Every structure is written in structure tokens, then in C-alpha cells.
Amino acid sequence: AIILGQCTRFVCTARGNPLPALSWRHDGKKLDSLGNFIVSPNATVVSVCPVKRTSAGRVICRAKNSVGTTKATANLDVISPSDIIPGVNEIVGIVGRTALLPCNVTGYPRPKVTWSKNGSEIADVS
């Protein structure tokens, strides 16, 4: 895993006769030098700089020649701080009924969500 905002790279080497051509994919989409993913001229290296939350996913190097195709796969996990996604500001409830209070969070590893009322933590009831 790599920390959000840092840089990383993936290296791929292949042998064969004829020499295989290399190509890259990120979550199934062809990778060209676009945005924060930069493919080296000979396609042996993909640099990711800076790493963003959207950089997370499966990176695949594919080597292909007239004899066949092979691939190598790596997962790019992005460590990012916890963040609460803004949502509903006001919840209307009925006395004596259950109220649902949504809390959408992002972060990796997945943040632990705790609730408090008047400064005291509320026990998990799930």
C-alpha cells in the first residue's frame, strides 16, 4: 500500500522470441500516459505520481508476441485519512420510533466509526 499523495511505480519485464510488446491496464481500462499515470517510452515502467484515491485498483502488465500472451497483476492500495462525506444535516424522527442516522466515511484502511451524544460514546447496537 502507498500513502495518498506519494509516488510509486510498477516495473514489468518480459522475455521471449520475438520480444513481447508490453501494455498496461488499470481496473480493466487501457493505461496510457494520462493524468497521474505515466507509462515509460518502452512500457517497462508505470509511474503513479501523485497517488490519488482514484489510483487504487488492479494494475496489469500484459506481454504479447506472435507466440502468446501473459500478464502480471498487482493491487494498488492507497492509504488515506478518514473523511466524512457530507450528507443530511437534519433528521426528523417520531418519539418512540427508531431513527436512522447515516454516516458515510472514506479512508483506507476503513475507518472505525463511533457515535457520541453530549460527549459520551454510544454503544454499538448492531
C-alpha atoms as a PDB file:
ATOM      1  CA  ALA A   1       0.000   0.000   0.000  1.00  0.00           C
ATOM      2  CA  ILE A   2       1.113   3.552  -0.698  1.00  0.00           C
ATOM      3  CA  ILE A   3       0.204   6.728   1.171  1.00  0.00           C
ATOM      4  CA  LEU A   4      -2.089   9.227  -0.541  1.00  0.00           C
ATOM      5  CA  GLY A   5      -0.031  11.955  -2.256  1.00  0.00           C
ATOM      6  CA  GLN A   6       3.186   9.940  -2.512  1.00  0.00           C
ATOM      7  CA  CYS A   7       4.579   8.434  -5.714  1.00  0.00           C
ATOM      8  CA  THR A   8       5.021   4.791  -6.686  1.00  0.00           C
ATOM      9  CA  ARG A   9       5.901   2.763  -9.743  1.00  0.00           C
ATOM     10  CA  PHE A  10       5.349  -0.647 -11.250  1.00  0.00           C
ATOM     11  CA  VAL A  11       8.075  -2.400 -13.242  1.00  0.00           C
ATOM     12  CA  CYS A  12       7.408  -5.114 -15.806  1.00  0.00           C
ATOM     13  CA  THR A  13       9.991  -7.110 -17.730  1.00  0.00           C
ATOM     14  CA  ALA A  14       9.311  -9.831 -20.256  1.00  0.00           C
ATOM     15  CA  ARG A  15      11.441 -12.177 -22.317  1.00  0.00           C
ATOM     16  CA  GLY A  16      10.571 -14.011 -25.476  1.00  0.00           C
ATOM     17  CA  ASN A  17      11.365 -14.531 -29.127  1.00  0.00           C
ATOM     18  CA  PRO A  18      10.121 -12.436 -30.737  1.00  0.00           C
ATOM     19  CA  LEU A  19      10.453  -9.847 -27.960  1.00  0.00           C
ATOM     20  CA  PRO A  20       6.994  -9.222 -26.447  1.00  0.00           C
ATOM     21  CA  ALA A  21       5.293  -5.839 -26.581  1.00  0.00           C
ATOM     22  CA  LEU A  22       4.134  -4.567 -23.183  1.00  0.00           C
ATOM     23  CA  SER A  23       0.851  -2.845 -22.369  1.00  0.00           C
ATOM     24  CA  TRP A  24      -0.791  -1.747 -19.112  1.00  0.00           C
ATOM     25  CA  ARG A  25      -4.307  -1.672 -17.694  1.00  0.00           C
ATOM     26  CA  HIS A  26      -5.811  -0.151 -14.555  1.00  0.00           C
ATOM     27  CA  ASP A  27      -9.097  -1.697 -13.415  1.00  0.00           C
ATOM     28  CA  GLY A  28      -9.632  -3.048 -16.928  1.00  0.00           C
ATOM     29  CA  LYS A  29      -9.013   0.247 -18.751  1.00  0.00           C
ATOM     30  CA  LYS A  30      -6.024   0.729 -21.038  1.00  0.00           C
ATOM     31  CA  LEU A  31      -3.317   2.860 -19.430  1.00  0.00           C
ATOM     32  CA  ASP A  32      -1.591   5.497 -21.472  1.00  0.00           C
ATOM     33  CA  SER A  33       0.402   8.420 -20.119  1.00  0.00           C
ATOM     34  CA  LEU A  34      -2.588  10.305 -18.825  1.00  0.00           C
ATOM     35  CA  GLY A  35      -3.141  12.196 -15.607  1.00  0.00           C
ATOM     36  CA  ASN A  36      -1.048  10.824 -12.745  1.00  0.00           C
ATOM     37  CA  PHE A  37      -0.240   7.502 -14.532  1.00  0.00           C
ATOM     38  CA  ILE A  38       2.867   7.831 -16.713  1.00  0.00           C
ATOM     39  CA  VAL A  39       3.962   4.929 -18.945  1.00  0.00           C
ATOM     40  CA  SER A  40       7.657   4.877 -19.886  1.00  0.00           C
ATOM     41  CA  PRO A  41       8.511   5.005 -23.619  1.00  0.00           C
ATOM     42  CA  ASN A  42       9.399   1.282 -23.689  1.00  0.00           C
ATOM     43  CA  ALA A  43       6.385   0.477 -21.427  1.00  0.00           C
ATOM     44  CA  THR A  44       8.513  -1.313 -18.824  1.00  0.00           C
ATOM     45  CA  VAL A  45       7.559   1.154 -16.063  1.00  0.00           C
ATOM     46  CA  VAL A  46       4.339   2.844 -14.988  1.00  0.00           C
ATOM     47  CA  SER A  47       4.803   5.704 -12.535  1.00  0.00           C
ATOM     48  CA  VAL A  48       1.896   6.952 -10.449  1.00  0.00           C
ATOM     49  CA  CYS A  49       2.548  10.446  -9.129  1.00  0.00           C
ATOM     50  CA  PRO A  50       0.950  11.724  -7.050  1.00  0.00           C
ATOM     51  CA  VAL A  51      -1.133   8.767  -5.880  1.00  0.00           C
ATOM     52  CA  LYS A  52      -4.820   9.734  -5.580  1.00  0.00           C
ATOM     53  CA  ARG A  53      -7.760   7.869  -4.050  1.00  0.00           C
ATOM     54  CA  THR A  54      -8.864   7.053  -7.607  1.00  0.00           C
ATOM     55  CA  SER A  55      -5.444   5.470  -8.265  1.00  0.00           C
ATOM     56  CA  ALA A  56      -6.415   2.489  -6.116  1.00  0.00           C
ATOM     57  CA  GLY A  57      -7.200  -0.669  -8.061  1.00  0.00           C
ATOM     58  CA  ARG A  58      -5.746  -3.532 -10.043  1.00  0.00           C
ATOM     59  CA  VAL A  59      -2.753  -2.805 -12.284  1.00  0.00           C
ATOM     60  CA  ILE A  60      -1.986  -5.322 -15.028  1.00  0.00           C
ATOM     61  CA  CYS A  61       1.081  -5.594 -17.247  1.00  0.00           C
ATOM     62  CA  ARG A  62       0.458  -7.639 -20.379  1.00  0.00           C
ATOM     63  CA  ALA A  63       3.257  -9.051 -22.569  1.00  0.00           C
ATOM     64  CA  LYS A  64       2.255 -10.185 -26.055  1.00  0.00           C
ATOM     65  CA  ASN A  65       4.078 -11.532 -29.075  1.00  0.00           C
ATOM     66  CA  SER A  66       3.126 -13.754 -32.020  1.00  0.00           C
ATOM     67  CA  VAL A  67       3.545 -16.877 -29.879  1.00  0.00           C
ATOM     68  CA  GLY A  68       1.332 -15.891 -26.962  1.00  0.00           C
ATOM     69  CA  THR A  69       0.281 -13.557 -24.185  1.00  0.00           C
ATOM     70  CA  THR A  70       0.965 -13.478 -20.460  1.00  0.00           C
ATOM     71  CA  LYS A  71       0.226 -10.998 -17.718  1.00  0.00           C
ATOM     72  CA  ALA A  72       1.243  -9.946 -14.220  1.00  0.00           C
ATOM     73  CA  THR A  73      -1.192  -8.336 -11.786  1.00  0.00           C
ATOM     74  CA  ALA A  74      -0.685  -6.120  -8.748  1.00  0.00           C
ATOM     75  CA  ASN A  75      -3.111  -4.307  -6.470  1.00  0.00           C
ATOM     76  CA  LEU A  76      -2.563  -0.643  -5.678  1.00  0.00           C
ATOM     77  CA  ASP A  77      -3.978   0.098  -2.226  1.00  0.00           C
ATOM     78  CA  VAL A  78      -3.992   3.770  -1.256  1.00  0.00           C
ATOM     79  CA  ILE A  79      -3.688   4.625   2.432  1.00  0.00           C
ATOM     80  CA  SER A  80      -5.774   7.738   3.020  1.00  0.00           C
ATOM     81  CA  PRO A  81      -7.003   9.624   6.063  1.00  0.00           C
ATOM     82  CA  SER A  82     -10.544   9.261   7.311  1.00  0.00           C
ATOM     83  CA  ASP A  83     -13.037  11.676   5.840  1.00  0.00           C
ATOM     84  CA  ILE A  84     -16.754  12.091   6.459  1.00  0.00           C
ATOM     85  CA  ILE A  85     -18.804  12.582   3.302  1.00  0.00           C
ATOM     86  CA  PRO A  86     -21.297  15.400   3.881  1.00  0.00           C
ATOM     87  CA  GLY A  87     -24.877  14.226   3.914  1.00  0.00           C
ATOM     88  CA  VAL A  88     -28.155  15.094   5.579  1.00  0.00           C
ATOM     89  CA  ASN A  89     -27.947  17.962   8.080  1.00  0.00           C
ATOM     90  CA  GLU A  90     -31.277  17.376   9.787  1.00  0.00           C
ATOM     91  CA  ILE A  91     -33.147  14.202  10.705  1.00  0.00           C
ATOM     92  CA  VAL A  92     -36.792  14.319  11.752  1.00  0.00           C
ATOM     93  CA  GLY A  93     -37.915  11.466  13.980  1.00  0.00           C
ATOM     94  CA  ILE A  94     -41.016  10.298  15.775  1.00  0.00           C
ATOM     95  CA  VAL A  95     -40.869   9.778  19.534  1.00  0.00           C
ATOM     96  CA  GLY A  96     -40.727   6.082  20.382  1.00  0.00           C
ATOM     97  CA  ARG A  97     -39.640   5.067  16.854  1.00  0.00           C
ATOM     98  CA  THR A  98     -36.204   4.139  15.549  1.00  0.00           C
ATOM     99  CA  ALA A  99     -34.316   6.868  13.702  1.00  0.00           C
ATOM    100  CA  LEU A 100     -31.604   6.106  11.161  1.00  0.00           C
ATOM    101  CA  LEU A 101     -28.616   8.462  11.212  1.00  0.00           C
ATOM    102  CA  PRO A 102     -26.417   7.847   8.147  1.00  0.00           C
ATOM    103  CA  CYS A 103     -22.659   8.421   8.320  1.00  0.00           C
ATOM    104  CA  ASN A 104     -20.700   7.869   5.119  1.00  0.00           C
ATOM    105  CA  VAL A 105     -16.940   7.751   5.517  1.00  0.00           C
ATOM    106  CA  THR A 106     -13.925   7.154   3.297  1.00  0.00           C
ATOM    107  CA  GLY A 107     -10.395   6.134   4.144  1.00  0.00           C
ATOM    108  CA  TYR A 108      -8.068   3.175   3.903  1.00  0.00           C
ATOM    109  CA  PRO A 109      -7.800   1.199   5.994  1.00  0.00           C
ATOM    110  CA  ARG A 110     -11.555   1.543   6.536  1.00  0.00           C
ATOM    111  CA  PRO A 111     -12.153   3.931   9.450  1.00  0.00           C
ATOM    112  CA  LYS A 112     -13.903   2.785  12.618  1.00  0.00           C
ATOM    113  CA  VAL A 113     -16.999   4.923  13.149  1.00  0.00           C
ATOM    114  CA  THR A 114     -18.102   5.775  16.663  1.00  0.00           C
ATOM    115  CA  TRP A 115     -21.046   7.876  17.774  1.00  0.00           C
ATOM    116  CA  SER A 116     -21.327  10.099  20.818  1.00  0.00           C
ATOM    117  CA  LYS A 117     -24.052  12.138  22.470  1.00  0.00           C
ATOM    118  CA  ASN A 118     -23.209  15.017  24.798  1.00  0.00           C
ATOM    119  CA  GLY A 119     -19.587  13.882  24.854  1.00  0.00           C
ATOM    120  CA  SER A 120     -20.295  10.250  25.791  1.00  0.00           C
ATOM    121  CA  GLU A 121     -19.747   7.415  23.347  1.00  0.00           C
ATOM    122  CA  ILE A 122     -22.878   5.495  22.379  1.00  0.00           C
ATOM    123  CA  ALA A 123     -22.563   1.695  22.499  1.00  0.00           C
ATOM    124  CA  ASP A 124     -22.736  -0.230  19.218  1.00  0.00           C
ATOM    125  CA  VAL A 125     -26.129  -1.899  18.927  1.00  0.00           C
ATOM    126  CA  SER A 126     -25.670  -3.630  15.564  1.00  0.00           C
END
